[in-house]
Amino acid sequence: VKERTGKVEIKNRTGKWEISYDYKPTTYVDTANGRTVVKQITLMYGVFLLLLTLAAVGISMRKA
C-alpha cells in the first residue's frame, strides 16, 4: 500500500511560476459519491447518539 505523502508541482508557463501542493491522507475517499455516503453515515450516527442521549435523560428523569 502506497501512502500519498503529497505532491509538489512547479511549472513555468509563459514566464510565470506556478507552485501547487496536493496532499491526500490514506483515509481519503476518492469519489464524490463515496464522500457523500460517508457524510450521511456520520450525520445519521450523530442523530442516533443525540436521540439515545435524550432517551437516557428522559428515562432517568422519570425515575426521580
N, C-alpha and C. Protein backbone atom coordinates (compact mmCIF):
# COMPACT_ATOMS: atom_id res chain seq x y z
N VAL A 1 0.86 -1.18 0.00
CA VAL A 1 0.00 0.00 0.00
C VAL A 1 0.90 1.23 0.00
N LYS A 2 0.67 2.07 -0.98
CA LYS A 2 1.45 3.30 -1.06
C LYS A 2 0.72 4.42 -0.33
N GLU A 3 1.44 5.15 0.46
CA GLU A 3 0.85 6.32 1.10
C GLU A 3 1.10 7.54 0.25
N ARG A 4 0.12 8.40 0.21
CA ARG A 4 0.30 9.66 -0.51
C ARG A 4 0.85 10.67 0.48
N THR A 5 2.07 11.01 0.32
CA THR A 5 2.68 11.98 1.23
C THR A 5 2.58 13.39 0.68
N GLY A 6 2.15 13.51 -0.51
CA GLY A 6 1.98 14.84 -1.10
C GLY A 6 2.70 14.93 -2.43
N LYS A 7 2.35 15.94 -3.18
CA LYS A 7 2.94 16.13 -4.49
C LYS A 7 3.15 17.62 -4.70
N VAL A 8 4.35 17.99 -5.03
CA VAL A 8 4.66 19.40 -5.28
C VAL A 8 4.89 19.55 -6.78
N GLU A 9 4.19 20.50 -7.37
CA GLU A 9 4.36 20.78 -8.80
C GLU A 9 4.85 22.20 -8.97
N ILE A 10 5.89 22.34 -9.76
CA ILE A 10 6.40 23.67 -10.09
C ILE A 10 6.40 23.77 -11.61
N LYS A 11 5.65 24.73 -12.12
CA LYS A 11 5.54 24.88 -13.58
C LYS A 11 5.87 26.31 -13.96
N ASN A 12 6.47 26.43 -15.10
CA ASN A 12 6.76 27.76 -15.64
C ASN A 12 5.98 27.89 -16.94
N ARG A 13 4.89 28.61 -16.86
CA ARG A 13 4.08 28.83 -18.06
C ARG A 13 4.12 30.32 -18.40
N THR A 14 4.57 30.60 -19.55
CA THR A 14 4.66 31.98 -20.06
C THR A 14 5.34 32.92 -19.07
N GLY A 15 6.43 32.46 -18.50
CA GLY A 15 7.20 33.32 -17.62
C GLY A 15 6.67 33.42 -16.20
N LYS A 16 5.57 32.76 -15.88
CA LYS A 16 5.02 32.78 -14.52
C LYS A 16 5.31 31.44 -13.85
N TRP A 17 5.71 31.49 -12.61
CA TRP A 17 5.93 30.27 -11.85
C TRP A 17 4.66 29.92 -11.09
N GLU A 18 4.19 28.72 -11.27
CA GLU A 18 3.02 28.25 -10.54
C GLU A 18 3.46 27.12 -9.61
N ILE A 19 3.26 27.31 -8.33
CA ILE A 19 3.63 26.29 -7.35
C ILE A 19 2.36 25.83 -6.66
N SER A 20 2.12 24.53 -6.69
CA SER A 20 0.94 23.99 -6.00
C SER A 20 1.35 22.74 -5.22
N TYR A 21 0.60 22.46 -4.18
CA TYR A 21 0.87 21.31 -3.33
C TYR A 21 -0.42 20.54 -3.14
N ASP A 22 -0.35 19.24 -3.28
CA ASP A 22 -1.54 18.39 -3.13
C ASP A 22 -1.23 17.30 -2.12
N TYR A 23 -2.06 17.17 -1.11
CA TYR A 23 -1.88 16.12 -0.11
C TYR A 23 -3.22 15.47 0.17
N LYS A 24 -3.24 14.16 0.13
CA LYS A 24 -4.44 13.41 0.48
C LYS A 24 -4.03 12.30 1.43
N PRO A 25 -4.61 12.26 2.62
CA PRO A 25 -4.26 11.19 3.55
C PRO A 25 -4.71 9.83 3.02
N THR A 26 -4.18 8.78 3.61
CA THR A 26 -4.51 7.43 3.15
C THR A 26 -5.98 7.11 3.36
N THR A 27 -6.66 7.83 4.25
CA THR A 27 -8.07 7.57 4.52
C THR A 27 -8.99 8.39 3.63
N TYR A 28 -8.44 9.14 2.69
CA TYR A 28 -9.24 10.00 1.81
C TYR A 28 -10.11 9.16 0.88
N VAL A 29 -11.38 9.54 0.74
CA VAL A 29 -12.29 8.85 -0.16
C VAL A 29 -12.23 9.58 -1.50
N ASP A 30 -11.87 8.85 -2.56
CA ASP A 30 -11.61 9.48 -3.86
C ASP A 30 -12.87 9.98 -4.58
N THR A 31 -13.96 9.24 -4.52
CA THR A 31 -15.12 9.61 -5.32
C THR A 31 -16.06 10.54 -4.56
N ALA A 32 -16.75 11.38 -5.29
CA ALA A 32 -17.71 12.29 -4.68
C ALA A 32 -18.87 11.52 -4.05
N ASN A 33 -19.31 10.45 -4.71
CA ASN A 33 -20.39 9.64 -4.14
C ASN A 33 -19.96 9.01 -2.82
N GLY A 34 -18.74 8.53 -2.77
CA GLY A 34 -18.22 7.94 -1.54
C GLY A 34 -18.16 8.95 -0.41
N ARG A 35 -17.72 10.17 -0.72
CA ARG A 35 -17.67 11.21 0.32
C ARG A 35 -19.06 11.56 0.81
N THR A 36 -20.05 11.57 -0.10
CA THR A 36 -21.42 11.86 0.30
C THR A 36 -21.95 10.78 1.24
N VAL A 37 -21.68 9.53 0.92
CA VAL A 37 -22.13 8.42 1.77
C VAL A 37 -21.49 8.52 3.15
N VAL A 38 -20.20 8.82 3.19
CA VAL A 38 -19.51 8.94 4.48
C VAL A 38 -20.11 10.07 5.30
N LYS A 39 -20.42 11.20 4.67
CA LYS A 39 -21.03 12.32 5.39
C LYS A 39 -22.41 11.94 5.92
N GLN A 40 -23.20 11.24 5.11
CA GLN A 40 -24.55 10.85 5.53
C GLN A 40 -24.49 9.86 6.70
N ILE A 41 -23.58 8.91 6.64
CA ILE A 41 -23.45 7.95 7.73
C ILE A 41 -23.03 8.67 9.01
N THR A 42 -22.10 9.60 8.90
CA THR A 42 -21.66 10.37 10.07
C THR A 42 -22.82 11.17 10.65
N LEU A 43 -23.61 11.79 9.79
CA LEU A 43 -24.76 12.57 10.25
C LEU A 43 -25.78 11.67 10.95
N MET A 44 -26.07 10.52 10.37
CA MET A 44 -27.03 9.60 10.99
C MET A 44 -26.53 9.09 12.34
N TYR A 45 -25.23 8.83 12.43
CA TYR A 45 -24.65 8.39 13.70
C TYR A 45 -24.80 9.48 14.76
N GLY A 46 -24.56 10.73 14.38
CA GLY A 46 -24.72 11.85 15.31
C GLY A 46 -26.15 12.00 15.79
N VAL A 47 -27.10 11.87 14.87
CA VAL A 47 -28.52 11.95 15.24
C VAL A 47 -28.88 10.80 16.17
N PHE A 48 -28.38 9.60 15.89
CA PHE A 48 -28.64 8.45 16.74
C PHE A 48 -28.11 8.69 18.15
N LEU A 49 -26.90 9.22 18.26
CA LEU A 49 -26.34 9.50 19.59
C LEU A 49 -27.16 10.55 20.33
N LEU A 50 -27.63 11.55 19.62
CA LEU A 50 -28.46 12.59 20.24
C LEU A 50 -29.76 11.99 20.76
N LEU A 51 -30.42 11.18 19.93
CA LEU A 51 -31.67 10.55 20.36
C LEU A 51 -31.44 9.60 21.53
N LEU A 52 -30.35 8.87 21.50
CA LEU A 52 -30.03 7.95 22.59
C LEU A 52 -29.80 8.72 23.89
N THR A 53 -29.10 9.83 23.81
CA THR A 53 -28.86 10.67 24.99
C THR A 53 -30.16 11.24 25.52
N LEU A 54 -31.02 11.75 24.63
CA LEU A 54 -32.30 12.29 25.07
C LEU A 54 -33.17 11.22 25.70
N ALA A 55 -33.15 10.01 25.16
CA ALA A 55 -33.93 8.91 25.73
C ALA A 55 -33.39 8.54 27.10
N ALA A 56 -32.08 8.50 27.25
CA ALA A 56 -31.49 8.16 28.54
C ALA A 56 -31.82 9.21 29.59
N VAL A 57 -31.79 10.48 29.22
CA VAL A 57 -32.13 11.55 30.16
C VAL A 57 -33.61 11.47 30.52
N GLY A 58 -34.45 11.17 29.54
CA GLY A 58 -35.88 11.04 29.81
C GLY A 58 -36.18 9.90 30.74
N ILE A 59 -35.51 8.79 30.59
CA ILE A 59 -35.72 7.64 31.47
C ILE A 59 -35.26 7.95 32.87
N SER A 60 -34.12 8.62 33.01
CA SER A 60 -33.61 8.93 34.35
C SER A 60 -34.48 9.98 35.03
N MET A 61 -35.12 10.87 34.27
CA MET A 61 -35.97 11.89 34.88
C MET A 61 -37.28 11.28 35.36
N ARG A 62 -37.75 10.24 34.69
CA ARG A 62 -38.98 9.57 35.12
C ARG A 62 -38.79 8.86 36.45
N LYS A 63 -37.61 8.31 36.68
CA LYS A 63 -37.34 7.58 37.91
C LYS A 63 -37.24 8.52 39.11
N ALA A 64 -36.86 9.77 38.89
CA ALA A 64 -36.64 10.70 40.01
C ALA A 64 -37.91 11.22 40.61
